[in-house]
Amino acid sequence: MSLNLRVASDCHLDVLTFGECMIRLSPPGHQRIEFTPYFEACVGGGEYNVSYALSRLGVRTSWVSRLVDNPLGAWIRNHARASGMDISSVVWVPYDGVGFADRIGLNFTEVGIGVRGSVTMYDRGHSAAAHIKPGDVDWKKIFARGVRWYHTGGICTALSDSSAAAVKESMEAAHAAGAIVSYDLNFRSKLWSSAKAIAVTKDLVPFIDVLIGNEEDFQKVLGFKVEGVDESLKTLPVEAYKKMVKHVTGKFPHIQAVGTTLREVVSGLVNNWSAILYYDGKFYQSRRYEGLEIEDRVGGGDGFCSGVIYKLLAGGNPQEAVEMGAAHGALLQSTRGDTSMITLEEVQHVMKGGSARIKR
């Protein structure tokens, strides 16, 4: 069955997301963290990235989180406002001057090259977002104003037991209000074990309409293995993915769409990239970006997710949605940082098969 999207004119927001946003610090180029004399700084987080990208594409978006009222929190606020997204429902907490009670999480990311892959080191313990709990956000009030699509995911769920409970509370409210609920599995082994991820996520699945994830996510968060995939991920058999997705939707028939990116890692800077979307009982596959040259792979999956959401909200068909998701994800990886710097015109150009010739 097709997604039952609410009419735009009846809603205050097109897309609402919920999750943590951190400050990212990266050595310039492909330098190592332990040797760099300075860092490039940016902001980002899975759900935040989706709202940010969609807002740049002209969608009415809002993002919910819990932030510390200090200069780092202000940095995130200023960055969010620059995209046009609404952050009026963010929970702000006072700064104690040290960060004992709450802090803004950090991550240090090396951008890989050649046989050395990209690496992220977290410094996000005891963050303000991890301390969010049920009741901190008036979800019913937010959804009463009308929301067409709600998006959250496994990173926010994994932060703490209280954040997981808040995610469930938000999904229940979204589901009751008639919003489409999408969930990016986004497994992070540094945040929780596969066993805990599976145990916690099973209680969230009943509220999910659209499921997003890659090969590791489905195995580590839902317990579904893709047959024929080796640890190097140098080859990804599409038919095996389709078989796995069929198993997922067979067990959870209420899930209406499943999107997954297919990333074959040739080197730190060259990947083969494509995506598939299962929708209304059929599979749709994007163009394959062979030998995609990558500036920074972080955020590619969020680019795919936001592209799919954009096209479905705009009334596009599933093939257009998977093509836009793959194109936006590919373009997003051409710039450094987690969040999208891509315009709608650029995405449409690539979707139409446009080249990378210089524009004068």
Foldseek 3Di string as FASTA:
>chain_A
DFADFDDPVQAPFAEEEEAAKAKEWEAPDQDDPVPGPGTDIDMDDQRLQLQLQLLLQPGAYEYEFEAEPDVRSVRVVVSSVVSVYHHVQYHYDYDPVPQPQADGWYKYWGQFWFAGAIDIDTPGANHRRLPAAPPSTPLLVNCVNPYRAYEYEQVQLLSYVRSVRNVQVNLVSCQVSSHAYEYELPDDVVRDFLVVLQVSCVSVLVSHQEYEYEQVSCCSRNNQHQPPADPQLQDDDPVSVVVSVCVVCVVVVNHAKYKYKRWHDPGSFWIWIWIWMQGPNDIAIEDIDHRQGFSGLAQLSSQLVSQLSVQVSVVHDNNNSRHLSRLRSSQQRNDDDNHRPDYPVSSVCVSVVHDPDDDD
